[in-house]
């Protein structure tokens, strides 16, 4: 039998998965620019952190540029 904590954790896990799926779809365009083997943002050329690349494979924008693009919509 599940309790409130289990239900909350399941809810959070499902919401996170949905948000990651939405983000992967909502960031069209080229992948990152590679400079000396390091992924950089396609717009501002800032380094894209490894954690972001693992969470969203092929992502081409840093968080700041992705948020700016999202706010323009």
PDB file of N, CA and C in Angstrom:
ATOM      1  N   UNK A   1       0.848  -1.173   0.000  1.00  0.00           N
ATOM      2  CA  UNK A   1       0.000   0.000   0.000  1.00  0.00           C
ATOM      3  C   UNK A   1       0.896   1.239   0.000  1.00  0.00           C
ATOM      4  N   UNK A   2       0.576   2.211  -0.847  1.00  0.00           N
ATOM      5  CA  UNK A   2       1.390   3.427  -0.910  1.00  0.00           C
ATOM      6  C   UNK A   2       0.856   4.480   0.044  1.00  0.00           C
ATOM      7  N   UNK A   3       1.774   5.336   0.460  1.00  0.00           N
ATOM      8  CA  UNK A   3       1.363   6.432   1.335  1.00  0.00           C
ATOM      9  C   UNK A   3       1.534   7.751   0.578  1.00  0.00           C
ATOM     10  N   UNK A   4       1.287   8.844   1.258  1.00  0.00           N
ATOM     11  CA  UNK A   4       1.350  10.158   0.614  1.00  0.00           C
ATOM     12  C   UNK A   4       2.741  10.461   0.079  1.00  0.00           C
ATOM     13  N   UNK A   5       3.773  10.050   0.794  1.00  0.00           N
ATOM     14  CA  UNK A   5       5.145  10.304   0.337  1.00  0.00           C
ATOM     15  C   UNK A   5       5.437   9.549  -0.955  1.00  0.00           C
ATOM     16  N   UNK A   6       4.993   8.306  -1.043  1.00  0.00           N
ATOM     17  CA  UNK A   6       5.185   7.532  -2.277  1.00  0.00           C
ATOM     18  C   UNK A   6       4.426   8.164  -3.442  1.00  0.00           C
ATOM     19  N   UNK A   7       3.212   8.592  -3.176  1.00  0.00           N
ATOM     20  CA  UNK A   7       2.414   9.235  -4.215  1.00  0.00           C
ATOM     21  C   UNK A   7       3.072  10.528  -4.692  1.00  0.00           C
ATOM     22  N   UNK A   8       3.604  11.305  -3.756  1.00  0.00           N
ATOM     23  CA  UNK A   8       4.267  12.562  -4.109  1.00  0.00           C
ATOM     24  C   UNK A   8       5.519  12.291  -4.944  1.00  0.00           C
ATOM     25  N   UNK A   9       6.274  11.274  -4.575  1.00  0.00           N
ATOM     26  CA  UNK A   9       7.475  10.941  -5.326  1.00  0.00           C
ATOM     27  C   UNK A   9       7.116  10.473  -6.736  1.00  0.00           C
ATOM     28  N   UNK A  10       6.093   9.649  -6.868  1.00  0.00           N
ATOM     29  CA  UNK A  10       5.650   9.203  -8.184  1.00  0.00           C
ATOM     30  C   UNK A  10       5.201  10.385  -9.040  1.00  0.00           C
ATOM     31  N   UNK A  11       4.469  11.306  -8.439  1.00  0.00           N
ATOM     32  CA  UNK A  11       4.006  12.494  -9.148  1.00  0.00           C
ATOM     33  C   UNK A  11       5.198  13.316  -9.642  1.00  0.00           C
ATOM     34  N   UNK A  12       6.177  13.534  -8.767  1.00  0.00           N
ATOM     35  CA  UNK A  12       7.356  14.315  -9.139  1.00  0.00           C
ATOM     36  C   UNK A  12       8.131  13.639 -10.264  1.00  0.00           C
ATOM     37  N   UNK A  13       8.306  12.347 -10.176  1.00  0.00           N
ATOM     38  CA  UNK A  13       9.018  11.609 -11.205  1.00  0.00           C
ATOM     39  C   UNK A  13       8.319  11.731 -12.554  1.00  0.00           C
ATOM     40  N   UNK A  14       7.013  11.595 -12.559  1.00  0.00           N
ATOM     41  CA  UNK A  14       6.245  11.706 -13.805  1.00  0.00           C
ATOM     42  C   UNK A  14       6.307  13.112 -14.381  1.00  0.00           C
ATOM     43  N   UNK A  15       6.213  14.130 -13.521  1.00  0.00           N
ATOM     44  CA  UNK A  15       6.272  15.521 -13.986  1.00  0.00           C
ATOM     45  C   UNK A  15       7.651  15.840 -14.566  1.00  0.00           C
ATOM     46  N   UNK A  16       8.706  15.344 -13.920  1.00  0.00           N
ATOM     47  CA  UNK A  16      10.065  15.587 -14.405  1.00  0.00           C
ATOM     48  C   UNK A  16      10.248  14.944 -15.780  1.00  0.00           C
ATOM     49  N   UNK A  17       9.789  13.715 -15.933  1.00  0.00           N
ATOM     50  CA  UNK A  17       9.911  13.031 -17.222  1.00  0.00           C
ATOM     51  C   UNK A  17       9.151  13.775 -18.313  1.00  0.00           C
ATOM     52  N   UNK A  18       7.967  14.261 -17.986  1.00  0.00           N
ATOM     53  CA  UNK A  18       7.174  15.018 -18.959  1.00  0.00           C
ATOM     54  C   UNK A  18       7.860  16.328 -19.325  1.00  0.00           C
ATOM     55  N   UNK A  19       8.423  17.004 -18.342  1.00  0.00           N
ATOM     56  CA  UNK A  19       9.106  18.277 -18.598  1.00  0.00           C
ATOM     57  C   UNK A  19      10.336  18.062 -19.480  1.00  0.00           C
ATOM     58  N   UNK A  20      11.091  17.017 -19.224  1.00  0.00           N
ATOM     59  CA  UNK A  20      12.259  16.726 -20.057  1.00  0.00           C
ATOM     60  C   UNK A  20      11.852  16.383 -21.486  1.00  0.00           C
ATOM     61  N   UNK A  21      10.778  15.633 -21.632  1.00  0.00           N
ATOM     62  CA  UNK A  21      10.292  15.300 -22.970  1.00  0.00           C
ATOM     63  C   UNK A  21       9.839  16.554 -23.708  1.00  0.00           C
ATOM     64  N   UNK A  22       9.130  17.439 -23.018  1.00  0.00           N
ATOM     65  CA  UNK A  22       8.690  18.701 -23.628  1.00  0.00           C
ATOM     66  C   UNK A  22       9.879  19.556 -24.030  1.00  0.00           C
ATOM     67  N   UNK A  23      10.881  19.620 -23.169  1.00  0.00           N
ATOM     68  CA  UNK A  23      12.056  20.437 -23.460  1.00  0.00           C
ATOM     69  C   UNK A  23      12.802  19.905 -24.668  1.00  0.00           C
ATOM     70  N   UNK A  24      12.889  18.615 -24.788  1.00  0.00           N
ATOM     71  CA  UNK A  24      13.593  18.028 -25.928  1.00  0.00           C
ATOM     72  C   UNK A  24      12.880  18.351 -27.233  1.00  0.00           C
ATOM     73  N   UNK A  25      11.571  18.409 -27.206  1.00  0.00           N
ATOM     74  CA  UNK A  25      10.784  18.710 -28.399  1.00  0.00           C
ATOM     75  C   UNK A  25      10.768  20.204 -28.684  1.00  0.00           C
ATOM     76  N   UNK A  26      10.795  21.036 -27.641  1.00  0.00           N
ATOM     77  CA  UNK A  26      10.622  22.478 -27.822  1.00  0.00           C
ATOM     78  C   UNK A  26      11.907  23.206 -28.164  1.00  0.00           C
ATOM     79  N   UNK A  27      13.021  22.513 -28.255  1.00  0.00           N
ATOM     80  CA  UNK A  27      14.275  23.158 -28.601  1.00  0.00           C
ATOM     81  C   UNK A  27      14.734  22.728 -29.985  1.00  0.00           C
ATOM     82  N   UNK A  28      14.034  23.223 -31.020  1.00  0.00           N
ATOM     83  CA  UNK A  28      14.441  22.847 -32.362  1.00  0.00           C
ATOM     84  C   UNK A  28      15.738  23.539 -32.750  1.00  0.00           C
ATOM     85  N   UNK A  29      16.277  23.116 -33.817  1.00  0.00           N
ATOM     86  CA  UNK A  29      17.467  23.777 -34.313  1.00  0.00           C
ATOM     87  C   UNK A  29      18.677  22.881 -34.224  1.00  0.00           C
ATOM     88  N   UNK A  30      19.813  23.471 -34.517  1.00  0.00           N
ATOM     89  CA  UNK A  30      21.035  22.676 -34.557  1.00  0.00           C
ATOM     90  C   UNK A  30      21.459  22.218 -33.164  1.00  0.00           C
ATOM     91  N   UNK A  31      22.268  21.207 -33.155  1.00  0.00           N
ATOM     92  CA  UNK A  31      22.850  20.761 -31.905  1.00  0.00           C
ATOM     93  C   UNK A  31      23.913  21.751 -31.460  1.00  0.00           C
ATOM     94  N   UNK A  32      24.680  21.380 -30.462  1.00  0.00           N
ATOM     95  CA  UNK A  32      25.700  22.300 -29.952  1.00  0.00           C
ATOM     96  C   UNK A  32      26.846  22.480 -30.941  1.00  0.00           C
ATOM     97  N   UNK A  33      27.594  23.517 -30.724  1.00  0.00           N
ATOM     98  CA  UNK A  33      28.825  23.759 -31.466  1.00  0.00           C
ATOM     99  C   UNK A  33      29.942  23.122 -30.641  1.00  0.00           C
ATOM    100  N   UNK A  34      30.795  22.340 -31.266  1.00  0.00           N
ATOM    101  CA  UNK A  34      31.897  21.725 -30.531  1.00  0.00           C
ATOM    102  C   UNK A  34      33.180  22.492 -30.797  1.00  0.00           C
ATOM    103  N   UNK A  35      33.771  22.984 -29.709  1.00  0.00           N
ATOM    104  CA  UNK A  35      35.039  23.700 -29.775  1.00  0.00           C
ATOM    105  C   UNK A  35      36.022  22.923 -28.908  1.00  0.00           C
ATOM    106  N   UNK A  36      37.072  22.412 -29.516  1.00  0.00           N
ATOM    107  CA  UNK A  36      38.059  21.580 -28.812  1.00  0.00           C
ATOM    108  C   UNK A  36      37.386  20.421 -28.082  1.00  0.00           C
ATOM    109  N   UNK A  37      36.357  19.849 -28.695  1.00  0.00           N
ATOM    110  CA  UNK A  37      35.682  18.696 -28.135  1.00  0.00           C
ATOM    111  C   UNK A  37      34.688  19.005 -27.028  1.00  0.00           C
ATOM    112  N   UNK A  38      34.441  20.283 -26.765  1.00  0.00           N
ATOM    113  CA  UNK A  38      33.519  20.697 -25.711  1.00  0.00           C
ATOM    114  C   UNK A  38      32.281  21.317 -26.360  1.00  0.00           C
ATOM    115  N   UNK A  39      31.098  20.917 -25.878  1.00  0.00           N
ATOM    116  CA  UNK A  39      29.846  21.434 -26.440  1.00  0.00           C
ATOM    117  C   UNK A  39      29.597  22.863 -25.978  1.00  0.00           C
ATOM    118  N   UNK A  40      29.273  23.719 -26.945  1.00  0.00           N
ATOM    119  CA  UNK A  40      28.961  25.119 -26.669  1.00  0.00           C
ATOM    120  C   UNK A  40      27.595  25.460 -27.251  1.00  0.00           C
ATOM    121  N   UNK A  41      26.947  26.446 -26.677  1.00  0.00           N
ATOM    122  CA  UNK A  41      25.642  26.923 -27.117  1.00  0.00           C
ATOM    123  C   UNK A  41      25.727  27.412 -28.564  1.00  0.00           C
ATOM    124  N   UNK A  42      24.728  27.052 -29.353  1.00  0.00           N
ATOM    125  CA  UNK A  42      24.692  27.455 -30.759  1.00  0.00           C
ATOM    126  C   UNK A  42      24.412  28.944 -30.927  1.00  0.00           C
ATOM    127  N   UNK A  43      23.926  29.604 -29.875  1.00  0.00           N
ATOM    128  CA  UNK A  43      23.636  31.038 -29.986  1.00  0.00           C
ATOM    129  C   UNK A  43      24.713  31.909 -29.357  1.00  0.00           C
ATOM    130  N   UNK A  44      25.076  31.632 -28.096  1.00  0.00           N
ATOM    131  CA  UNK A  44      26.009  32.520 -27.392  1.00  0.00           C
ATOM    132  C   UNK A  44      27.394  31.911 -27.203  1.00  0.00           C
ATOM    133  N   UNK A  45      27.556  30.658 -27.577  1.00  0.00           N
ATOM    134  CA  UNK A  45      28.809  29.921 -27.480  1.00  0.00           C
ATOM    135  C   UNK A  45      29.284  29.675 -26.048  1.00  0.00           C
ATOM    136  N   UNK A  46      28.378  29.783 -25.064  1.00  0.00           N
ATOM    137  CA  UNK A  46      28.721  29.410 -23.694  1.00  0.00           C
ATOM    138  C   UNK A  46      28.829  27.892 -23.614  1.00  0.00           C
ATOM    139  N   UNK A  47      29.662  27.397 -22.714  1.00  0.00           N
ATOM    140  CA  UNK A  47      29.804  25.954 -22.538  1.00  0.00           C
ATOM    141  C   UNK A  47      28.487  25.386 -22.016  1.00  0.00           C
ATOM    142  N   UNK A  48      28.042  24.287 -22.603  1.00  0.00           N
ATOM    143  CA  UNK A  48      26.840  23.591 -22.135  1.00  0.00           C
ATOM    144  C   UNK A  48      27.298  22.530 -21.138  1.00  0.00           C
ATOM    145  N   UNK A  49      26.814  22.598 -19.905  1.00  0.00           N
ATOM    146  CA  UNK A  49      27.253  21.638 -18.879  1.00  0.00           C
ATOM    147  C   UNK A  49      26.934  20.192 -19.259  1.00  0.00           C
ATOM    148  N   UNK A  50      27.801  19.301 -18.836  1.00  0.00           N
ATOM    149  CA  UNK A  50      27.647  17.878 -19.128  1.00  0.00           C
ATOM    150  C   UNK A  50      26.308  17.339 -18.636  1.00  0.00           C
ATOM    151  N   UNK A  51      25.853  17.810 -17.464  1.00  0.00           N
ATOM    152  CA  UNK A  51      24.574  17.340 -16.916  1.00  0.00           C
ATOM    153  C   UNK A  51      23.425  17.694 -17.859  1.00  0.00           C
ATOM    154  N   UNK A  52      23.468  18.872 -18.470  1.00  0.00           N
ATOM    155  CA  UNK A  52      22.414  19.274 -19.412  1.00  0.00           C
ATOM    156  C   UNK A  52      22.453  18.399 -20.656  1.00  0.00           C
ATOM    157  N   UNK A  53      23.647  18.102 -21.134  1.00  0.00           N
ATOM    158  CA  UNK A  53      23.791  17.247 -22.312  1.00  0.00           C
ATOM    159  C   UNK A  53      23.289  15.838 -22.038  1.00  0.00           C
ATOM    160  N   UNK A  54      23.509  15.354 -20.822  1.00  0.00           N
ATOM    161  CA  UNK A  54      23.021  14.015 -20.475  1.00  0.00           C
ATOM    162  C   UNK A  54      21.504  14.005 -20.344  1.00  0.00           C
ATOM    163  N   UNK A  55      20.940  15.077 -19.772  1.00  0.00           N
ATOM    164  CA  UNK A  55      19.493  15.147 -19.578  1.00  0.00           C
ATOM    165  C   UNK A  55      18.761  15.339 -20.911  1.00  0.00           C
ATOM    166  N   UNK A  56      19.359  16.115 -21.804  1.00  0.00           N
ATOM    167  CA  UNK A  56      18.743  16.423 -23.097  1.00  0.00           C
ATOM    168  C   UNK A  56      19.755  16.175 -24.217  1.00  0.00           C
ATOM    169  N   UNK A  57      19.961  14.923 -24.587  1.00  0.00           N
ATOM    170  CA  UNK A  57      20.959  14.626 -25.629  1.00  0.00           C
ATOM    171  C   UNK A  57      20.711  15.429 -26.901  1.00  0.00           C
ATOM    172  N   UNK A  58      21.775  16.021 -27.413  1.00  0.00           N
ATOM    173  CA  UNK A  58      21.682  16.798 -28.641  1.00  0.00           C
ATOM    174  C   UNK A  58      21.233  18.223 -28.458  1.00  0.00           C
ATOM    175  N   UNK A  59      21.011  18.640 -27.208  1.00  0.00           N
ATOM    176  CA  UNK A  59      20.568  20.010 -26.957  1.00  0.00           C
ATOM    177  C   UNK A  59      21.617  20.976 -27.498  1.00  0.00           C
ATOM    178  N   UNK A  60      21.155  22.047 -28.123  1.00  0.00           N
ATOM    179  CA  UNK A  60      22.077  22.985 -28.743  1.00  0.00           C
ATOM    180  C   UNK A  60      22.146  24.337 -28.080  1.00  0.00           C
ATOM    181  N   UNK A  61      21.338  24.540 -27.041  1.00  0.00           N
ATOM    182  CA  UNK A  61      21.305  25.840 -26.375  1.00  0.00           C
ATOM    183  C   UNK A  61      21.629  25.700 -24.899  1.00  0.00           C
ATOM    184  N   UNK A  62      22.294  26.707 -24.340  1.00  0.00           N
ATOM    185  CA  UNK A  62      22.517  26.750 -22.898  1.00  0.00           C
ATOM    186  C   UNK A  62      21.178  27.082 -22.228  1.00  0.00           C
ATOM    187  N   UNK A  63      21.121  26.983 -20.924  1.00  0.00           N
ATOM    188  CA  UNK A  63      19.870  27.239 -20.201  1.00  0.00           C
ATOM    189  C   UNK A  63      19.389  28.664 -20.443  1.00  0.00           C
ATOM    190  N   UNK A  64      20.298  29.640 -20.378  1.00  0.00           N
ATOM    191  CA  UNK A  64      19.906  31.048 -20.533  1.00  0.00           C
ATOM    192  C   UNK A  64      19.282  31.295 -21.912  1.00  0.00           C
ATOM    193  N   UNK A  65      19.898  30.786 -22.959  1.00  0.00           N
ATOM    194  CA  UNK A  65      19.355  30.994 -24.307  1.00  0.00           C
ATOM    195  C   UNK A  65      18.050  30.233 -24.502  1.00  0.00           C
ATOM    196  N   UNK A  66      17.966  29.039 -23.935  1.00  0.00           N
ATOM    197  CA  UNK A  66      16.716  28.262 -24.037  1.00  0.00           C
ATOM    198  C   UNK A  66      15.582  28.990 -23.331  1.00  0.00           C
ATOM    199  N   UNK A  67      15.858  29.547 -22.143  1.00  0.00           N
ATOM    200  CA  UNK A  67      14.827  30.289 -21.411  1.00  0.00           C
ATOM    201  C   UNK A  67      14.426  31.550 -22.176  1.00  0.00           C
ATOM    202  N   UNK A  68      15.392  32.234 -22.762  1.00  0.00           N
ATOM    203  CA  UNK A  68      15.089  33.444 -23.538  1.00  0.00           C
ATOM    204  C   UNK A  68      14.218  33.096 -24.739  1.00  0.00           C
ATOM    205  N   UNK A  69      14.560  32.025 -25.426  1.00  0.00           N
ATOM    206  CA  UNK A  69      13.780  31.601 -26.582  1.00  0.00           C
ATOM    207  C   UNK A  69      12.355  31.230 -26.155  1.00  0.00           C
ATOM    208  N   UNK A  70      12.247  30.526 -25.022  1.00  0.00           N
ATOM    209  CA  UNK A  70      10.938  30.119 -24.505  1.00  0.00           C
ATOM    210  C   UNK A  70      10.092  31.332 -24.124  1.00  0.00           C
ATOM    211  N   UNK A  71      10.717  32.337 -23.524  1.00  0.00           N
ATOM    212  CA  UNK A  71       9.957  33.527 -23.103  1.00  0.00           C
ATOM    213  C   UNK A  71       9.483  34.347 -24.294  1.00  0.00           C
ATOM    214  N   UNK A  72      10.132  34.212 -25.434  1.00  0.00           N
ATOM    215  CA  UNK A  72       9.737  34.926 -26.655  1.00  0.00           C
ATOM    216  C   UNK A  72       8.496  34.312 -27.293  1.00  0.00           C
ATOM    217  N   UNK A  73       8.172  33.085 -26.932  1.00  0.00           N
ATOM    218  CA  UNK A  73       7.013  32.408 -27.525  1.00  0.00           C
ATOM    219  C   UNK A  73       5.735  32.873 -26.930  1.00  0.00           C
TER     220      UNK A  73
END
